[in-house]
Structure formats: structure tokens, C-alpha cells
Amino acid sequence: MTARNDIRPGAINMQRTNIQRWRSLTQVGFFALFILAPPLDIFRYDLTLGHFILFGHDWTLQLDAVQHGQADALDAAINVLMFGLVPILLVAVGFIFVAWRWGRIYCGWFCPHFSVVETINSLMRRAIGRPSIWDREALPAKQPDGRILKTSRIYLLPTVVAAVAFAFAWSVSLLTYLLPPFEIYSNILHGELTRNQGLFLTAATTAFVIEFLLARHLFCRFGCAVGLFQSLAWM
């Protein structure tokens, strides 16, 4: 009995470590997917073309024939149903099933925003002992594995740097979901951003820096439509 009690906590800790390792790998993978989806033409909406691109193929409602008088209203309705409403419905049903079956698994394992939240939380905790400046009490210095987490104000600098870097990466990624990615990358590298592109990146980066540093938890609780949808589906 004693041997079993001695082994069991270690086995549990090892299982938790393995789960955390897999969760970290999943977060990194989906953050990379979030960044690389537009340049790889996995998924994006091209404003210059006026339609979605999915896995390298144009995704449209195929209404050109209707616009040129080569198809009637029934054909148009069928195309809207098959290429618009049905895919959206299938994604929504699948998402509801996942949320109902496994809860808010998207937030903890896949969400690129929450991976940023956890990174900044850990840096801020090293800086001030709390994951957020709004928390009144510091978290215990002793970690579950027995380590003592020492805080230092010097970590405030990497915290701000990380927030700015993530904010800029998010801003560039969002812009590449709307405009040709390699055009955006080239304009950034050569300092040839158009006025609208520059305004978008400046405004979005500023907004994300403020959100990452001051309101990242509030966004997850009240501003994230995906998180809210998950909660409603799970309830």
C-alpha cells in the first residue's frame, strides 16, 4: 500500500507534464498556422479579388453565370445554399459539438490569442508576482514542482517587448488575411506601405499592445465571440 501511494503522485505528475507538453506544442502549432495560413493560401479573404481563398482554390458563390444571364434565380439560390449557408452551418454544428463534448478546449489548446495571454501572464508574474496589474494579491512564490519563483522588475522590459512583438505580428497577420500576403511583406521590408496599410498596422498594433498589457483577460471574458459562443454551446 505504501509503495502504491509513493508511486501514484509521481505518475500523476508525469501525466500532467505530458499533457502540458502536448498543450504547449498544440498552442505553438496553431499560432504558426494562424500566421502562415494567408501566405500558404490555406485560408484568407482577398479584398483585391473579392472572394475567399481556401486551400489554394477560389471559394466563391459562383454567381458569375447569373450575373451574365446564363443562369436563373434558382441556380443562384442553390449556389448560395451550397457554397455559403451549408458550409457555415456545418462549421457551426461541428464547433457546437466540440464545445459540448470537451468544453472550452479551443481556448486552452488552440486559440492563438490565449497563447499570447499565457506568455504575457508568465512574464508579468516574473515581474510583479501577479499575472495582471489588476490583480490585488500576488500568487504564491512556491510552484507545484517545489521551485520558488523569484520576481524582479527587470522582467517588465521583456514583458513590454513581447506585447509589442505579438501585437505587430497579429496586425500584420490580420492584414494578410485581407490583402495579398507577399505584397504586404514586401512593402514592410522596403518601407513602401501604402497610406491605408500604414494606418491599419499602426492602429491595430497600438490597440493590441494596450489589450495585451491591460485588458487581455477582459477580452477573453467579454470580447471574444468564439469564447462566448463556446460558453453558450457548453451551457
C-alpha atoms as a PDB file:
ATOM      1  CA  MET A   1       0.000   0.000   0.000  1.00  0.00           C
ATOM      2  CA  THR A   2       2.809   2.382   0.856  1.00  0.00           C
ATOM      3  CA  ALA A   3       4.607   1.658  -2.409  1.00  0.00           C
ATOM      4  CA  ARG A   4       1.489   2.363  -4.402  1.00  0.00           C
ATOM      5  CA  ASN A   5       0.975   5.657  -2.582  1.00  0.00           C
ATOM      6  CA  ASP A   6       4.601   6.596  -3.268  1.00  0.00           C
ATOM      7  CA  ILE A   7       4.347   5.845  -6.976  1.00  0.00           C
ATOM      8  CA  ARG A   8       0.965   7.286  -7.696  1.00  0.00           C
ATOM      9  CA  PRO A   9       1.781  11.007  -7.138  1.00  0.00           C
ATOM     10  CA  GLY A  10       4.816  10.703  -9.418  1.00  0.00           C
ATOM     11  CA  ALA A  11       2.741   9.042 -12.126  1.00  0.00           C
ATOM     12  CA  ILE A  12       0.108  11.757 -11.838  1.00  0.00           C
ATOM     13  CA  ASN A  13       2.743  14.480 -12.075  1.00  0.00           C
ATOM     14  CA  MET A  14       4.257  12.804 -15.132  1.00  0.00           C
ATOM     15  CA  GLN A  15       0.844  12.605 -16.783  1.00  0.00           C
ATOM     16  CA  ARG A  16       0.237  16.289 -16.074  1.00  0.00           C
ATOM     17  CA  THR A  17       3.646  17.138 -17.502  1.00  0.00           C
ATOM     18  CA  ASN A  18       2.912  15.164 -20.681  1.00  0.00           C
ATOM     19  CA  ILE A  19      -0.471  16.861 -21.088  1.00  0.00           C
ATOM     20  CA  GLN A  20       1.083  20.283 -20.573  1.00  0.00           C
ATOM     21  CA  ARG A  21       3.807  19.468 -23.103  1.00  0.00           C
ATOM     22  CA  TRP A  22       1.245  18.422 -25.697  1.00  0.00           C
ATOM     23  CA  ARG A  23      -0.842  21.514 -24.971  1.00  0.00           C
ATOM     24  CA  SER A  24       2.189  23.761 -25.439  1.00  0.00           C
ATOM     25  CA  LEU A  25       3.051  22.071 -28.740  1.00  0.00           C
ATOM     26  CA  THR A  26      -0.544  22.441 -29.902  1.00  0.00           C
ATOM     27  CA  GLN A  27      -0.570  26.135 -28.993  1.00  0.00           C
ATOM     28  CA  VAL A  28       2.674  26.749 -30.880  1.00  0.00           C
ATOM     29  CA  GLY A  29       1.401  24.813 -33.883  1.00  0.00           C
ATOM     30  CA  PHE A  30      -1.879  26.682 -34.120  1.00  0.00           C
ATOM     31  CA  PHE A  31      -0.186  30.044 -33.598  1.00  0.00           C
ATOM     32  CA  ALA A  32       2.113  29.173 -36.512  1.00  0.00           C
ATOM     33  CA  LEU A  33      -0.939  28.122 -38.534  1.00  0.00           C
ATOM     34  CA  PHE A  34      -2.592  31.472 -37.731  1.00  0.00           C
ATOM     35  CA  ILE A  35       0.475  33.304 -39.075  1.00  0.00           C
ATOM     36  CA  LEU A  36       1.124  31.052 -42.086  1.00  0.00           C
ATOM     37  CA  ALA A  37      -2.442  30.418 -43.298  1.00  0.00           C
ATOM     38  CA  PRO A  38      -2.557  33.542 -45.536  1.00  0.00           C
ATOM     39  CA  PRO A  39       0.849  33.185 -47.285  1.00  0.00           C
ATOM     40  CA  LEU A  40       0.233  29.466 -47.810  1.00  0.00           C
ATOM     41  CA  ASP A  41      -3.257  30.230 -49.189  1.00  0.00           C
ATOM     42  CA  ILE A  42      -4.823  27.886 -46.647  1.00  0.00           C
ATOM     43  CA  PHE A  43      -7.498  30.422 -45.778  1.00  0.00           C
ATOM     44  CA  ARG A  44      -7.930  34.147 -46.389  1.00  0.00           C
ATOM     45  CA  TYR A  45     -10.278  36.693 -47.911  1.00  0.00           C
ATOM     46  CA  ASP A  46      -8.672  38.699 -50.707  1.00  0.00           C
ATOM     47  CA  LEU A  47     -10.159  42.178 -50.983  1.00  0.00           C
ATOM     48  CA  THR A  48      -8.496  42.706 -54.355  1.00  0.00           C
ATOM     49  CA  LEU A  49     -10.223  39.606 -55.777  1.00  0.00           C
ATOM     50  CA  GLY A  50     -13.422  39.940 -53.772  1.00  0.00           C
ATOM     51  CA  HIS A  51     -13.683  36.350 -52.594  1.00  0.00           C
ATOM     52  CA  PHE A  52     -12.246  33.750 -50.193  1.00  0.00           C
ATOM     53  CA  ILE A  53      -9.269  31.522 -50.944  1.00  0.00           C
ATOM     54  CA  LEU A  54      -9.394  28.073 -49.331  1.00  0.00           C
ATOM     55  CA  PHE A  55      -6.515  25.596 -49.672  1.00  0.00           C
ATOM     56  CA  GLY A  56      -5.253  27.390 -52.755  1.00  0.00           C
ATOM     57  CA  HIS A  57      -8.613  27.458 -54.542  1.00  0.00           C
ATOM     58  CA  ASP A  58     -11.002  30.330 -55.113  1.00  0.00           C
ATOM     59  CA  TRP A  59     -14.091  29.994 -52.924  1.00  0.00           C
ATOM     60  CA  THR A  60     -16.973  31.947 -54.396  1.00  0.00           C
ATOM     61  CA  LEU A  61     -20.744  31.679 -54.581  1.00  0.00           C
ATOM     62  CA  GLN A  62     -20.320  31.058 -58.320  1.00  0.00           C
ATOM     63  CA  LEU A  63     -22.810  33.744 -59.311  1.00  0.00           C
ATOM     64  CA  ASP A  64     -20.954  34.859 -62.440  1.00  0.00           C
ATOM     65  CA  ALA A  65     -23.297  32.884 -64.683  1.00  0.00           C
ATOM     66  CA  VAL A  66     -26.293  34.528 -63.035  1.00  0.00           C
ATOM     67  CA  GLN A  67     -24.795  37.980 -63.452  1.00  0.00           C
ATOM     68  CA  HIS A  68     -24.204  37.313 -67.154  1.00  0.00           C
ATOM     69  CA  GLY A  69     -27.711  35.971 -67.703  1.00  0.00           C
ATOM     70  CA  GLN A  70     -26.560  32.394 -68.198  1.00  0.00           C
ATOM     71  CA  ALA A  71     -28.402  31.035 -65.127  1.00  0.00           C
ATOM     72  CA  ASP A  72     -31.659  31.779 -63.387  1.00  0.00           C
ATOM     73  CA  ALA A  73     -32.605  32.712 -59.820  1.00  0.00           C
ATOM     74  CA  LEU A  74     -32.986  29.066 -58.790  1.00  0.00           C
ATOM     75  CA  ASP A  75     -29.395  28.322 -59.765  1.00  0.00           C
ATOM     76  CA  ALA A  76     -28.294  31.370 -57.779  1.00  0.00           C
ATOM     77  CA  ALA A  77     -30.238  30.225 -54.704  1.00  0.00           C
ATOM     78  CA  ILE A  78     -28.726  26.730 -54.929  1.00  0.00           C
ATOM     79  CA  ASN A  79     -25.203  28.156 -55.209  1.00  0.00           C
ATOM     80  CA  VAL A  80     -25.740  30.440 -52.214  1.00  0.00           C
ATOM     81  CA  LEU A  81     -27.073  27.487 -50.239  1.00  0.00           C
ATOM     82  CA  MET A  82     -24.354  25.001 -51.207  1.00  0.00           C
ATOM     83  CA  PHE A  83     -21.326  27.312 -51.195  1.00  0.00           C
ATOM     84  CA  GLY A  84     -22.440  29.729 -48.482  1.00  0.00           C
ATOM     85  CA  LEU A  85     -25.004  28.614 -45.935  1.00  0.00           C
ATOM     86  CA  VAL A  86     -24.258  24.876 -45.798  1.00  0.00           C
ATOM     87  CA  PRO A  87     -20.500  25.242 -45.102  1.00  0.00           C
ATOM     88  CA  ILE A  88     -21.213  27.843 -42.406  1.00  0.00           C
ATOM     89  CA  LEU A  89     -23.842  25.579 -40.852  1.00  0.00           C
ATOM     90  CA  LEU A  90     -21.512  22.559 -40.877  1.00  0.00           C
ATOM     91  CA  VAL A  91     -18.721  24.537 -39.202  1.00  0.00           C
ATOM     92  CA  ALA A  92     -21.127  25.911 -36.580  1.00  0.00           C
ATOM     93  CA  VAL A  93     -22.564  22.464 -35.790  1.00  0.00           C
ATOM     94  CA  GLY A  94     -19.102  20.947 -35.564  1.00  0.00           C
ATOM     95  CA  PHE A  95     -17.955  23.734 -33.275  1.00  0.00           C
ATOM     96  CA  ILE A  96     -21.012  23.347 -31.035  1.00  0.00           C
ATOM     97  CA  PHE A  97     -20.406  19.587 -30.786  1.00  0.00           C
ATOM     98  CA  VAL A  98     -16.749  20.078 -29.812  1.00  0.00           C
ATOM     99  CA  ALA A  99     -17.699  22.687 -27.192  1.00  0.00           C
ATOM    100  CA  TRP A 100     -20.454  20.442 -25.828  1.00  0.00           C
ATOM    101  CA  ARG A 101     -18.217  17.359 -25.736  1.00  0.00           C
ATOM    102  CA  TRP A 102     -14.941  18.858 -24.459  1.00  0.00           C
ATOM    103  CA  GLY A 103     -15.873  22.308 -23.127  1.00  0.00           C
ATOM    104  CA  ARG A 104     -13.675  25.317 -23.888  1.00  0.00           C
ATOM    105  CA  ILE A 105     -10.919  23.178 -25.398  1.00  0.00           C
ATOM    106  CA  TYR A 106     -10.361  25.736 -28.167  1.00  0.00           C
ATOM    107  CA  CYS A 107      -9.341  28.419 -25.660  1.00  0.00           C
ATOM    108  CA  GLY A 108      -6.815  26.300 -23.809  1.00  0.00           C
ATOM    109  CA  TRP A 109      -5.346  24.277 -26.676  1.00  0.00           C
ATOM    110  CA  PHE A 110      -5.800  26.120 -29.977  1.00  0.00           C
ATOM    111  CA  CYS A 111      -6.557  29.826 -29.553  1.00  0.00           C
ATOM    112  CA  PRO A 112      -3.607  31.979 -30.785  1.00  0.00           C
ATOM    113  CA  HIS A 113      -4.783  34.829 -28.554  1.00  0.00           C
ATOM    114  CA  PHE A 114      -4.790  32.730 -25.396  1.00  0.00           C
ATOM    115  CA  SER A 115      -1.253  31.500 -26.088  1.00  0.00           C
ATOM    116  CA  VAL A 116      -0.201  35.167 -26.085  1.00  0.00           C
ATOM    117  CA  VAL A 117      -2.186  35.723 -22.878  1.00  0.00           C
ATOM    118  CA  GLU A 118      -0.388  32.879 -21.112  1.00  0.00           C
ATOM    119  CA  THR A 119       3.026  34.064 -22.318  1.00  0.00           C
ATOM    120  CA  ILE A 120       2.482  37.610 -21.074  1.00  0.00           C
ATOM    121  CA  ASN A 121       0.938  36.263 -17.858  1.00  0.00           C
ATOM    122  CA  SER A 122       4.108  34.304 -17.108  1.00  0.00           C
ATOM    123  CA  LEU A 123       6.356  37.288 -17.871  1.00  0.00           C
ATOM    124  CA  MET A 124       4.263  39.659 -15.795  1.00  0.00           C
ATOM    125  CA  ARG A 125       4.207  37.216 -12.928  1.00  0.00           C
ATOM    126  CA  ARG A 126       8.005  37.136 -13.004  1.00  0.00           C
ATOM    127  CA  ALA A 127       7.983  40.945 -12.950  1.00  0.00           C
ATOM    128  CA  ILE A 128       5.382  41.773 -10.290  1.00  0.00           C
ATOM    129  CA  GLY A 129       4.273  38.438  -8.848  1.00  0.00           C
ATOM    130  CA  ARG A 130       0.827  38.719 -10.418  1.00  0.00           C
ATOM    131  CA  PRO A 131      -0.398  37.718 -13.903  1.00  0.00           C
ATOM    132  CA  SER A 132      -2.146  41.086 -14.280  1.00  0.00           C
ATOM    133  CA  ILE A 133      -1.672  44.591 -12.894  1.00  0.00           C
ATOM    134  CA  TRP A 134      -5.337  44.479 -11.866  1.00  0.00           C
ATOM    135  CA  ASP A 135      -4.859  41.533  -9.502  1.00  0.00           C
ATOM    136  CA  ARG A 136      -4.651  42.746  -5.920  1.00  0.00           C
ATOM    137  CA  GLU A 137      -2.816  39.808  -4.379  1.00  0.00           C
ATOM    138  CA  ALA A 138       0.378  38.140  -5.545  1.00  0.00           C
ATOM    139  CA  LEU A 139       0.339  34.434  -6.359  1.00  0.00           C
ATOM    140  CA  PRO A 140       2.294  32.039  -4.118  1.00  0.00           C
ATOM    141  CA  ALA A 141       6.004  32.026  -4.908  1.00  0.00           C
ATOM    142  CA  LYS A 142       6.234  28.257  -4.438  1.00  0.00           C
ATOM    143  CA  GLN A 143       5.416  26.360  -7.623  1.00  0.00           C
ATOM    144  CA  PRO A 144       3.660  22.952  -7.805  1.00  0.00           C
ATOM    145  CA  ASP A 145       7.021  21.296  -8.536  1.00  0.00           C
ATOM    146  CA  GLY A 146       8.574  22.863  -5.433  1.00  0.00           C
ATOM    147  CA  ARG A 147      10.515  25.628  -7.183  1.00  0.00           C
ATOM    148  CA  ILE A 148      10.453  29.146  -5.764  1.00  0.00           C
ATOM    149  CA  LEU A 149       9.573  31.788  -8.339  1.00  0.00           C
ATOM    150  CA  LYS A 150      11.550  34.953  -7.687  1.00  0.00           C
ATOM    151  CA  THR A 151      10.188  38.219  -9.040  1.00  0.00           C
ATOM    152  CA  SER A 152      12.175  41.113 -10.452  1.00  0.00           C
ATOM    153  CA  ARG A 153      11.151  44.401 -12.051  1.00  0.00           C
ATOM    154  CA  ILE A 154      13.697  43.727 -14.762  1.00  0.00           C
ATOM    155  CA  TYR A 155      11.124  41.420 -16.384  1.00  0.00           C
ATOM    156  CA  LEU A 156       8.919  44.435 -17.136  1.00  0.00           C
ATOM    157  CA  LEU A 157      11.066  45.203 -20.184  1.00  0.00           C
ATOM    158  CA  PRO A 158      10.705  41.770 -21.850  1.00  0.00           C
ATOM    159  CA  THR A 159       7.006  41.883 -20.956  1.00  0.00           C
ATOM    160  CA  VAL A 160       6.524  45.110 -22.913  1.00  0.00           C
ATOM    161  CA  VAL A 161       8.765  43.896 -25.749  1.00  0.00           C
ATOM    162  CA  ALA A 162       6.767  40.669 -26.019  1.00  0.00           C
ATOM    163  CA  ALA A 163       3.473  42.587 -26.058  1.00  0.00           C
ATOM    164  CA  VAL A 164       4.697  44.891 -28.840  1.00  0.00           C
ATOM    165  CA  ALA A 165       6.127  41.989 -30.874  1.00  0.00           C
ATOM    166  CA  PHE A 166       2.952  39.928 -30.581  1.00  0.00           C
ATOM    167  CA  ALA A 167       0.816  42.988 -31.368  1.00  0.00           C
ATOM    168  CA  PHE A 168       2.763  43.738 -34.548  1.00  0.00           C
ATOM    169  CA  ALA A 169       2.705  40.069 -35.609  1.00  0.00           C
ATOM    170  CA  TRP A 170      -1.059  39.957 -35.081  1.00  0.00           C
ATOM    171  CA  SER A 171      -1.575  43.193 -37.012  1.00  0.00           C
ATOM    172  CA  VAL A 172       0.488  42.018 -39.979  1.00  0.00           C
ATOM    173  CA  SER A 173      -1.269  38.643 -39.971  1.00  0.00           C
ATOM    174  CA  LEU A 174      -4.729  40.207 -39.934  1.00  0.00           C
ATOM    175  CA  LEU A 175      -3.762  42.451 -42.840  1.00  0.00           C
ATOM    176  CA  THR A 176      -2.522  39.451 -44.840  1.00  0.00           C
ATOM    177  CA  TYR A 177      -5.917  37.811 -44.351  1.00  0.00           C
ATOM    178  CA  LEU A 178      -7.361  40.713 -46.372  1.00  0.00           C
ATOM    179  CA  LEU A 179      -4.648  41.672 -48.865  1.00  0.00           C
ATOM    180  CA  PRO A 180      -2.049  39.637 -50.820  1.00  0.00           C
ATOM    181  CA  PRO A 181       0.411  38.492 -48.120  1.00  0.00           C
ATOM    182  CA  PHE A 182       3.648  38.779 -50.076  1.00  0.00           C
ATOM    183  CA  GLU A 183       2.704  42.282 -51.173  1.00  0.00           C
ATOM    184  CA  ILE A 184       2.387  43.254 -47.502  1.00  0.00           C
ATOM    185  CA  TYR A 185       5.667  41.565 -46.549  1.00  0.00           C
ATOM    186  CA  SER A 186       7.486  43.271 -49.415  1.00  0.00           C
ATOM    187  CA  ASN A 187       6.035  46.678 -48.554  1.00  0.00           C
ATOM    188  CA  ILE A 188       7.115  46.293 -44.914  1.00  0.00           C
ATOM    189  CA  LEU A 189      10.651  45.184 -45.804  1.00  0.00           C
ATOM    190  CA  HIS A 190      11.139  48.015 -48.300  1.00  0.00           C
ATOM    191  CA  GLY A 191       9.286  50.669 -46.288  1.00  0.00           C
ATOM    192  CA  GLU A 192       6.721  51.119 -49.060  1.00  0.00           C
ATOM    193  CA  LEU A 193       3.453  50.625 -47.204  1.00  0.00           C
ATOM    194  CA  THR A 194       0.503  52.474 -48.670  1.00  0.00           C
ATOM    195  CA  ARG A 195      -1.233  55.073 -46.542  1.00  0.00           C
ATOM    196  CA  ASN A 196      -4.106  52.747 -45.648  1.00  0.00           C
ATOM    197  CA  GLN A 197      -1.781  49.836 -44.916  1.00  0.00           C
ATOM    198  CA  GLY A 198       0.349  52.014 -42.638  1.00  0.00           C
ATOM    199  CA  LEU A 199      -2.701  53.369 -40.823  1.00  0.00           C
ATOM    200  CA  PHE A 200      -4.074  49.875 -40.311  1.00  0.00           C
ATOM    201  CA  LEU A 201      -0.812  48.488 -38.922  1.00  0.00           C
ATOM    202  CA  THR A 202      -0.271  51.488 -36.656  1.00  0.00           C
ATOM    203  CA  ALA A 203      -3.808  51.486 -35.259  1.00  0.00           C
ATOM    204  CA  ALA A 204      -4.021  47.707 -34.905  1.00  0.00           C
ATOM    205  CA  THR A 205      -0.594  47.389 -33.271  1.00  0.00           C
ATOM    206  CA  THR A 206      -1.406  50.158 -30.796  1.00  0.00           C
ATOM    207  CA  ALA A 207      -4.765  48.598 -29.939  1.00  0.00           C
ATOM    208  CA  PHE A 208      -3.237  45.141 -29.465  1.00  0.00           C
ATOM    209  CA  VAL A 209      -0.418  46.473 -27.270  1.00  0.00           C
ATOM    210  CA  ILE A 210      -2.979  48.119 -24.984  1.00  0.00           C
ATOM    211  CA  GLU A 211      -5.113  44.983 -24.987  1.00  0.00           C
ATOM    212  CA  PHE A 212      -2.218  42.589 -24.335  1.00  0.00           C
ATOM    213  CA  LEU A 213      -0.832  44.688 -21.481  1.00  0.00           C
ATOM    214  CA  LEU A 214      -4.021  45.921 -19.826  1.00  0.00           C
ATOM    215  CA  ALA A 215      -7.134  44.082 -20.968  1.00  0.00           C
ATOM    216  CA  ARG A 216      -6.223  40.633 -22.319  1.00  0.00           C
ATOM    217  CA  HIS A 217      -8.277  38.837 -19.645  1.00  0.00           C
ATOM    218  CA  LEU A 218     -11.235  41.159 -20.138  1.00  0.00           C
ATOM    219  CA  PHE A 219     -11.167  40.423 -23.860  1.00  0.00           C
ATOM    220  CA  CYS A 220     -11.264  36.665 -23.231  1.00  0.00           C
ATOM    221  CA  ARG A 221     -14.192  37.052 -20.837  1.00  0.00           C
ATOM    222  CA  PHE A 222     -16.309  39.636 -22.626  1.00  0.00           C
ATOM    223  CA  GLY A 223     -14.889  40.453 -26.082  1.00  0.00           C
ATOM    224  CA  CYS A 224     -14.141  37.103 -27.686  1.00  0.00           C
ATOM    225  CA  ALA A 225     -17.070  35.943 -29.798  1.00  0.00           C
ATOM    226  CA  VAL A 226     -15.616  32.432 -30.091  1.00  0.00           C
ATOM    227  CA  GLY A 227     -15.280  32.095 -26.316  1.00  0.00           C
ATOM    228  CA  LEU A 228     -18.796  33.386 -25.742  1.00  0.00           C
ATOM    229  CA  PHE A 229     -20.158  31.015 -28.384  1.00  0.00           C
ATOM    230  CA  GLN A 230     -18.361  28.118 -26.701  1.00  0.00           C
ATOM    231  CA  SER A 231     -19.812  29.020 -23.307  1.00  0.00           C
ATOM    232  CA  LEU A 232     -23.340  29.221 -24.677  1.00  0.00           C
ATOM    233  CA  ALA A 233     -22.948  25.917 -26.535  1.00  0.00           C
ATOM    234  CA  TRP A 234     -21.490  24.200 -23.461  1.00  0.00           C
ATOM    235  CA  MET A 235     -24.284  25.538 -21.213  1.00  0.00           C
END
